[in-house]
Protein backbone atom coordinates (compact mmCIF):
# COMPACT_ATOMS: atom_id res chain seq x y z
CA MET A 1 -0.06 0.15 -0.07
CA SER A 2 1.86 3.05 -0.88
CA VAL A 3 1.99 6.16 1.46
CA GLY A 4 -0.73 8.29 1.61
CA THR A 5 -3.59 6.17 0.85
CA ARG A 6 -6.39 5.26 2.73
CA THR A 7 -7.12 2.02 4.50
CA PRO A 8 -10.70 0.56 4.89
CA THR A 9 -11.39 2.37 8.03
CA GLY A 10 -10.93 5.41 6.41
CA ARG A 11 -7.13 6.01 8.10
CA PRO A 12 -4.77 7.30 6.53
CA SER A 13 -1.93 4.49 6.00
CA GLY A 14 1.08 4.74 8.22
CA THR A 15 -1.04 6.48 10.73
CA ALA A 16 -1.12 4.55 14.48
CA PRO A 17 -4.46 2.91 15.43
CA GLY A 18 -6.35 5.10 17.66
CA ALA A 19 -4.40 8.39 16.54
CA PRO A 20 -6.81 11.00 15.27
CA PRO A 21 -7.02 11.36 11.51
CA ALA A 22 -4.56 14.23 9.83
CA ARG A 23 -6.11 17.21 8.62
CA GLU A 24 -5.37 17.42 4.90
CA ASP A 25 -6.87 20.98 5.07
CA ALA A 26 -4.49 22.21 7.68
CA PRO A 27 -2.64 25.11 6.38
CA ASP A 28 1.11 25.22 6.41
CA PRO A 29 2.53 27.48 9.34
CA PRO A 30 3.62 31.00 7.56
CA ALA A 31 7.23 31.44 6.36
CA VAL A 32 9.42 33.70 8.09
CA GLY A 33 10.99 36.29 5.98
CA PRO A 34 14.61 37.51 6.41
CA ASP A 35 12.86 41.06 7.41
CA GLU A 36 10.93 39.97 10.23
CA LEU A 37 14.30 38.81 12.13
CA PRO A 38 15.23 40.69 15.21
CA ASP A 39 18.72 40.67 14.30
CA GLY A 40 20.29 42.02 11.03
CA LEU A 41 21.31 39.50 8.40
CA VAL A 42 23.35 39.58 5.36
CA VAL A 43 24.23 36.59 2.93
CA ALA A 44 26.76 36.98 0.49
CA ASP A 45 27.14 34.21 -2.24
CA GLU A 46 29.83 32.01 -3.37
CA ARG A 47 31.47 35.12 -5.42
CA GLY A 48 31.18 37.39 -2.07
CA ARG A 49 28.61 39.51 -3.49
CA VAL A 50 25.64 40.35 -0.93
CA VAL A 51 22.20 38.68 -1.97
CA CYS A 52 20.12 39.47 0.97
CA PHE A 53 20.16 42.41 3.55
CA ASN A 54 17.72 42.57 5.74
CA ALA A 55 15.58 45.25 7.48
CA ALA A 56 17.41 44.98 11.12
CA ALA A 57 20.92 45.11 9.15
CA GLU A 58 19.58 48.02 7.21
CA ARG A 59 18.58 49.79 10.98
CA ILE A 60 21.87 48.41 12.44
CA THR A 61 24.25 49.99 9.80
CA ALA A 62 22.17 52.94 8.53
CA THR A 63 22.71 51.16 4.87
CA PRO A 64 19.70 51.00 2.62
CA ALA A 65 19.37 47.33 1.29
CA GLY A 66 19.10 48.75 -2.49
CA GLU A 67 22.57 49.96 -1.96
CA ALA A 68 24.11 47.11 0.01
CA LEU A 69 22.58 44.10 -2.35
CA GLY A 70 25.12 43.11 -5.42
CA LEU A 71 28.12 44.76 -3.51
CA SER A 72 31.21 43.00 -1.96
CA LEU A 73 30.73 42.01 1.42
CA GLU A 74 33.51 43.97 2.30
CA ARG A 75 32.02 47.46 0.92
CA ALA A 76 28.47 46.26 1.94
CA LEU A 77 29.66 45.67 5.70
CA PRO A 78 33.01 47.85 5.92
CA LEU A 79 34.21 46.27 9.40
CA GLU A 80 37.45 46.93 11.64
CA ASP A 81 38.34 45.27 14.70
CA LEU A 82 38.98 47.42 17.53
CA GLU A 83 42.55 47.73 16.51
CA GLY A 84 41.71 49.42 13.35
CA ARG A 85 42.29 46.37 10.99
CA ARG A 86 39.78 45.63 8.19
CA TRP A 87 38.24 42.34 9.56
CA TRP A 88 37.38 40.87 5.95
CA ARG A 89 40.86 41.03 4.78
CA LEU A 90 41.52 39.78 8.31
CA THR A 91 39.69 36.88 8.35
CA ASP A 92 39.78 36.02 4.55
CA PRO A 93 36.53 33.62 4.53
CA TYR A 94 36.57 32.47 0.88
CA ASP A 95 40.31 31.63 0.48
CA GLY A 96 41.49 31.23 4.31
CA LEU A 97 41.95 27.94 6.23
CA THR A 98 39.33 25.34 4.51
CA ILE A 99 38.50 23.73 7.80
CA ARG A 100 36.92 26.99 9.20
CA THR A 101 33.17 26.87 9.50
CA ARG A 102 32.39 29.92 11.35
CA GLN A 103 33.49 33.11 13.34
CA PRO A 104 32.47 33.53 16.39
CA GLU A 105 30.66 36.64 17.85
CA ARG A 106 32.84 39.48 18.58
CA ASN A 107 32.69 43.31 18.70
CA LEU A 108 33.69 44.97 15.65
CA LEU A 109 33.32 48.84 14.19
CA LEU A 110 31.38 50.32 11.56
CA PRO A 111 32.33 53.37 10.17
CA GLY A 112 31.74 56.28 12.11
CA GLY A 113 33.30 53.93 15.19
CA ARG A 114 29.36 52.17 15.92
CA GLU A 115 30.05 48.99 17.82
CA VAL A 116 28.26 46.12 16.57
CA LEU A 117 28.15 42.29 17.77
CA VAL A 118 29.29 40.24 14.64
CA SER A 119 29.15 36.41 13.99
CA ALA A 120 29.42 34.53 10.83
CA ARG A 121 29.10 31.14 9.48
CA TYR A 122 30.71 29.90 6.37
CA VAL A 123 28.33 27.53 4.05
CA ARG A 124 30.32 24.68 2.04
CA GLU A 125 28.38 21.70 0.09
CA ARG A 126 31.37 19.39 1.56
CA PRO A 127 33.57 19.69 4.18
CA THR A 128 36.79 21.40 3.39
CA GLY A 129 34.77 22.48 -0.08
CA PRO A 130 34.69 26.05 -1.21
CA VAL A 131 32.10 28.56 0.37
CA ARG A 132 29.12 28.78 -1.43
CA ARG A 133 27.50 31.19 1.03
CA VAL A 134 28.72 33.39 3.82
CA VAL A 135 26.03 33.89 6.62
CA VAL A 136 26.52 37.11 9.05
CA CYS A 137 24.48 37.80 11.85
CA LEU A 138 24.72 41.55 13.31
CA ARG A 139 23.34 42.89 16.87
CA ASP A 140 23.30 46.39 18.30
CA THR A 141 25.24 46.83 21.45
CA GLU A 142 23.33 49.51 22.82
CA ALA A 143 21.29 47.35 25.10
CA ARG A 144 24.12 45.79 26.46
CA ARG A 145 26.11 49.15 27.09
CA ARG A 146 22.92 50.18 28.83
CA THR A 147 23.13 47.02 31.13
CA GLU A 148 26.96 47.16 31.58
CA ARG A 149 26.46 51.23 32.49
CA SER A 150 23.54 50.29 34.67
CA HIS A 151 25.81 47.71 36.32
CA ALA A 152 28.99 50.07 36.69
CA GLU A 153 26.42 52.90 38.29
CA LEU A 154 24.89 50.27 40.57
CA ILE A 155 28.56 49.47 42.19
CA ALA A 156 29.52 52.99 42.38
CA THR A 157 26.61 53.88 44.39
CA VAL A 158 26.82 50.88 46.46
CA ALA A 159 30.59 51.57 47.08
CA HIS A 160 29.74 55.30 47.80
CA GLU A 161 26.68 54.46 50.30
CA LEU A 162 28.52 51.75 51.96
CA ARG A 163 31.85 54.16 52.33
CA SER A 164 30.27 56.61 54.81
CA PRO A 165 28.53 54.38 57.57
CA LEU A 166 31.61 51.76 57.58
CA THR A 167 34.08 54.73 57.83
CA SER A 168 31.89 55.93 60.82
CA VAL A 169 31.60 52.07 62.42
CA LYS A 170 35.23 51.92 61.93
CA GLY A 171 36.52 55.29 63.15
CA PHE A 172 33.93 54.95 66.41
CA THR A 173 35.09 51.27 67.33
CA ALA A 174 38.71 52.18 67.05
CA THR A 175 38.43 55.08 69.55
CA LEU A 176 36.41 52.99 72.07
CA LEU A 177 38.93 50.19 71.71
CA ALA A 178 42.04 52.53 72.19
CA LYS A 179 40.50 55.29 74.83
CA TRP A 180 37.67 53.29 76.36
CA GLU A 181 38.53 54.56 80.03
CA ARG A 182 38.79 58.29 78.77
CA PHE A 183 35.06 58.76 78.21
CA THR A 184 31.83 58.82 80.25
CA ASP A 185 29.07 56.55 79.84
CA ASP A 186 27.04 59.21 78.17
CA GLN A 187 30.15 59.76 75.67
CA LYS A 188 30.22 55.97 75.11
CA ARG A 189 26.40 55.54 74.72
CA LEU A 190 26.20 58.02 71.83
CA MET A 191 29.06 56.52 69.96
CA LEU A 192 27.59 52.99 70.09
CA GLU A 193 24.44 54.60 69.29
CA THR A 194 25.87 56.08 65.95
CA VAL A 195 27.36 52.56 65.32
CA ASP A 196 24.23 50.85 65.98
CA ALA A 197 22.47 53.57 63.21
CA ASP A 198 25.03 52.95 60.87
CA ALA A 199 25.15 49.04 60.91
CA ASP A 200 21.38 49.52 59.90
CA ARG A 201 21.96 51.59 57.20
CA VAL A 202 24.71 49.02 55.93
CA THR A 203 22.09 46.44 56.50
CA ARG A 204 19.39 48.14 54.66
CA LEU A 205 21.40 48.57 51.59
CA ILE A 206 22.23 44.89 51.25
CA ALA A 207 18.51 43.97 51.65
CA GLU A 208 17.95 46.42 48.64
CA LEU A 209 20.83 45.01 46.67
CA LEU A 210 19.35 41.27 47.12
CA ASP A 211 15.99 42.82 46.32
CA ILE A 212 17.10 43.97 43.17
CA SER A 213 18.89 40.98 42.43
CA ARG A 214 15.77 38.80 42.78
CA ILE A 215 13.52 41.39 40.77
CA ASP A 216 16.00 41.58 37.92
CA SER A 217 16.37 37.55 37.88
CA GLY A 218 12.38 36.92 38.50
CA ARG A 219 13.50 35.22 41.67
CA LEU A 220 11.76 37.38 44.06
CA GLU A 221 9.53 35.11 46.32
CA LEU A 222 6.37 35.79 47.72
CA ARG A 223 4.99 34.29 51.03
CA ARG A 224 1.25 35.41 50.78
CA GLN A 225 -1.24 35.47 53.68
CA PRO A 226 -4.21 37.51 54.65
CA VAL A 227 -3.07 41.11 55.25
CA ASP A 228 -5.05 43.65 56.86
CA ILE A 229 -3.46 46.72 54.64
CA ALA A 230 -5.64 49.55 56.26
CA ALA A 231 -4.18 48.39 59.50
CA ALA A 232 -0.58 48.58 58.26
CA VAL A 233 -0.84 51.54 56.94
CA ASP A 234 -1.90 52.70 60.71
CA ARG A 235 1.19 51.02 61.83
CA HIS A 236 3.37 52.92 59.79
CA ILE A 237 1.53 56.34 60.85
CA GLN A 238 1.75 55.76 64.29
CA ALA A 239 5.82 54.74 64.10
CA TYR A 240 6.15 58.21 62.59
CA VAL A 241 4.30 59.87 64.93
CA ALA A 242 6.30 58.44 67.67
CA ALA A 243 9.45 59.22 65.99
CA GLY A 244 8.61 62.98 66.24
CA GLN A 245 6.32 63.49 63.69
CA SER A 246 2.82 65.37 64.44
CA PRO A 247 -0.43 63.25 64.15
CA ASP A 248 -1.51 65.95 61.81
CA ARG A 249 0.91 65.55 59.55
CA PHE A 250 -1.10 62.41 57.97
CA ARG A 251 -4.71 61.51 57.09
CA LEU A 252 -5.61 57.98 56.68
CA ARG A 253 -9.26 57.50 54.65
CA VAL A 254 -10.62 53.96 54.23
CA GLU A 255 -13.31 52.82 52.28
CA ARG A 256 -15.25 49.91 53.61
CA PRO A 257 -15.38 47.27 53.17
CA LEU A 258 -12.19 45.93 51.44
CA PRO A 259 -11.89 42.64 49.74
CA GLY A 260 -9.56 40.12 51.67
CA LEU A 261 -6.12 40.50 50.58
CA TRP A 262 -3.70 37.67 50.35
CA ALA A 263 -0.05 38.94 50.01
CA ASP A 264 3.21 39.00 51.49
CA PRO A 265 3.16 41.06 54.77
CA ASP A 266 6.70 41.78 54.56
CA LYS A 267 6.95 43.07 51.19
CA ILE A 268 3.44 45.19 51.36
CA ASP A 269 5.17 46.86 54.60
CA GLN A 270 8.18 47.69 52.41
CA VAL A 271 5.88 49.31 49.77
CA LEU A 272 4.13 51.15 52.12
CA GLY A 273 7.49 52.35 54.32
CA ASN A 274 9.10 53.44 50.88
CA LEU A 275 6.09 55.59 49.76
CA LEU A 276 5.48 57.53 53.23
CA GLU A 277 9.03 57.98 53.56
CA ASN A 278 9.11 59.51 50.38
CA ALA A 279 6.07 61.46 51.07
CA VAL A 280 7.63 62.45 54.65
CA ARG A 281 10.85 63.38 53.34
CA HIS A 282 10.42 64.80 49.83
CA GLY A 283 7.13 66.23 50.09
CA GLY A 284 4.97 68.94 52.46
CA GLY A 285 2.26 69.54 54.11
CA THR A 286 -0.44 66.55 55.11
CA VAL A 287 0.17 63.38 53.67
CA THR A 288 -3.15 61.90 53.03
CA ILE A 289 -3.37 57.61 52.58
CA ASP A 290 -6.60 56.41 50.92
CA VAL A 291 -7.40 52.89 50.92
CA THR A 292 -10.18 52.02 48.55
CA ALA A 293 -11.46 48.70 46.66
CA GLN A 294 -10.66 48.89 43.06
CA ALA A 295 -11.10 46.76 39.85
CA SER A 296 -8.91 43.94 39.69
CA PRO A 297 -5.65 44.54 36.97
CA ARG A 298 -5.63 40.61 36.75
CA GLU A 299 -7.77 38.74 34.30
CA GLY A 300 -10.17 36.26 36.20
CA GLU A 301 -10.79 38.33 39.56
CA GLU A 302 -13.31 41.17 39.93
CA ALA A 303 -11.77 42.66 43.16
CA ALA A 304 -8.75 44.25 44.26
CA THR A 305 -7.43 46.77 46.69
CA SER A 306 -5.77 50.19 46.14
CA VAL A 307 -3.71 52.60 48.27
CA THR A 308 -2.91 55.82 46.92
CA VAL A 309 -0.34 58.20 48.84
CA SER A 310 -0.54 61.63 48.12
CA ASP A 311 1.25 64.84 49.79
CA GLU A 312 1.09 68.80 49.43
CA GLY A 313 4.54 69.42 48.35
CA PRO A 314 6.29 70.23 45.13
CA GLY A 315 5.24 67.15 43.10
CA ILE A 316 7.27 65.23 40.62
CA PRO A 317 8.36 67.42 37.17
CA GLU A 318 6.52 66.25 34.09
CA GLU A 319 9.57 65.19 32.66
CA SER A 320 10.89 63.10 35.40
CA MET A 321 7.31 60.93 35.35
CA ASN A 322 8.63 58.25 33.15
CA ARG A 323 11.78 57.77 35.29
CA VAL A 324 10.70 57.77 38.55
CA PHE A 325 10.51 53.71 38.71
CA THR A 326 14.31 53.78 37.42
CA ARG A 327 16.96 52.88 38.96
CA PHE A 328 18.74 55.91 40.83
CA TRP A 329 16.23 58.14 40.12
CA ARG A 330 16.15 61.18 43.21
CA GLY A 331 13.40 63.22 43.77
CA SER A 332 15.48 65.76 45.57
CA LYS A 333 19.01 65.91 46.87
CA ARG A 334 18.45 64.70 50.44
CA GLY A 335 20.29 61.40 50.17
CA GLY A 336 19.17 57.98 49.54
CA THR A 337 20.56 55.49 46.90
CA GLY A 338 17.50 56.06 44.54
CA LEU A 339 16.58 52.22 44.32
CA GLY A 340 13.68 52.57 46.59
CA LEU A 341 11.05 52.82 44.13
CA TYR A 342 12.41 50.66 41.26
CA ILE A 343 12.11 47.97 44.29
CA VAL A 344 8.59 48.70 44.92
CA LYS A 345 8.09 48.76 41.49
CA GLY A 346 9.23 44.95 41.24
CA ILE A 347 7.09 44.15 44.55
CA VAL A 348 3.95 45.62 43.21
CA GLU A 349 4.24 43.82 39.66
CA ALA A 350 5.55 40.47 41.55
CA HIS A 351 1.96 40.35 43.32
CA SER A 352 0.55 40.70 39.56
CA GLY A 353 -0.38 44.39 40.72
CA VAL A 354 0.28 47.87 39.14
CA ILE A 355 1.97 51.11 40.33
CA THR A 356 1.63 54.65 39.03
CA VAL A 357 2.64 58.02 39.59
CA GLY A 358 1.06 61.75 39.27
CA ARG A 359 -0.02 64.77 40.37
CA ALA A 360 -2.12 65.09 43.06
CA ALA A 361 -4.96 67.46 43.58
CA SER A 362 -2.96 69.81 46.06
CA GLY A 363 -0.22 69.99 43.22
CA GLY A 364 2.07 67.38 45.23
CA ALA A 365 3.21 63.94 44.42
CA GLN A 366 0.68 60.86 44.08
CA PHE A 367 1.60 57.40 44.35
CA ARG A 368 -1.21 54.45 43.69
CA PHE A 369 -0.76 50.81 43.87
CA THR A 370 -3.37 48.36 43.33
CA LEU A 371 -2.89 44.74 44.17
CA PRO A 372 -5.49 41.76 43.28
CA VAL A 373 -6.96 40.22 46.40
CA GLY A 374 -4.49 37.00 45.24
CA THR A 375 -7.00 34.33 47.24
CA PRO A 376 -5.31 30.93 46.70
CA ALA A 377 -7.00 28.53 44.61
CA TYR A 378 -8.01 26.16 47.60
CA LEU A 379 -10.25 28.44 49.14
CA LEU A 380 -12.13 29.42 46.03
């Protein structure tokens, strides 16, 4: 029986018993063209003439495909290495060693000094045969450079923030060890309190770095349990009052009933603490916290809890709104690492929530985050 004929049962021959019949009218998957690839693709034929130059290659090299097609590979892609040597003359893909099959990815320069990542594959009909095609892949290095700059900035910021408290800790402990008997009890207490505060500062910074690492890698763990978010806000307010802030500085408004919220209480405390600290430190006037029920941002759930923190300060400039949740953004020059709001956004999004920034009715800054109730499936 030939392949493709039907058996007496109507099942195509070669099909396993019990398997569903193949759909003869099923459409073939659409072909992916070179212009749909995210990376630059350049293909040269056996004579070294460019026969393919896709849209990403046009964007990366700033050369129209119409100008590149038909040119020699060296003229269409005048690449140089970081020492200024012409790359195609150096590698000689057509007349070099016949055992080569590829060029690993490396940084090369386009005219004007623009850096790109380039890899190449040599296509041969048989091992050690002549090269029939050279396939070149181009990648823009800008995204990688931004990541490298971000890491460098993070290291510099951490080094700067650690230097001050560690210098204080080292100085006071060395002084106490060397001259313990010369100080009064009050002086010793003051120095030890300073050391304790600076140690807390170092601990907070390390915790921020760990949070950033977990957020960036998608490994931020949540330990969900029922959270009374109105009570959590009230605890933060009472802590500020105990630290010397006037009770009139805060206004808490809770719209009840609120949906039951399942979240990580420690992470929610971190979000609330950061937003309230920003309002107290950088804002002005009364800090208003509204806790309300909202529609859920997550599909399949109806209820959510929203918390809005507003102040009466100068607010955030319009041109800075889109940078508020990025690393190292600072609303003022009053200290801080500029990492807090980046972490806040990561925590809210890990809860499948959303956070926004805007201008309050009083003109100050307004932060609002909305969390789906997150009820575990076994309770539904």
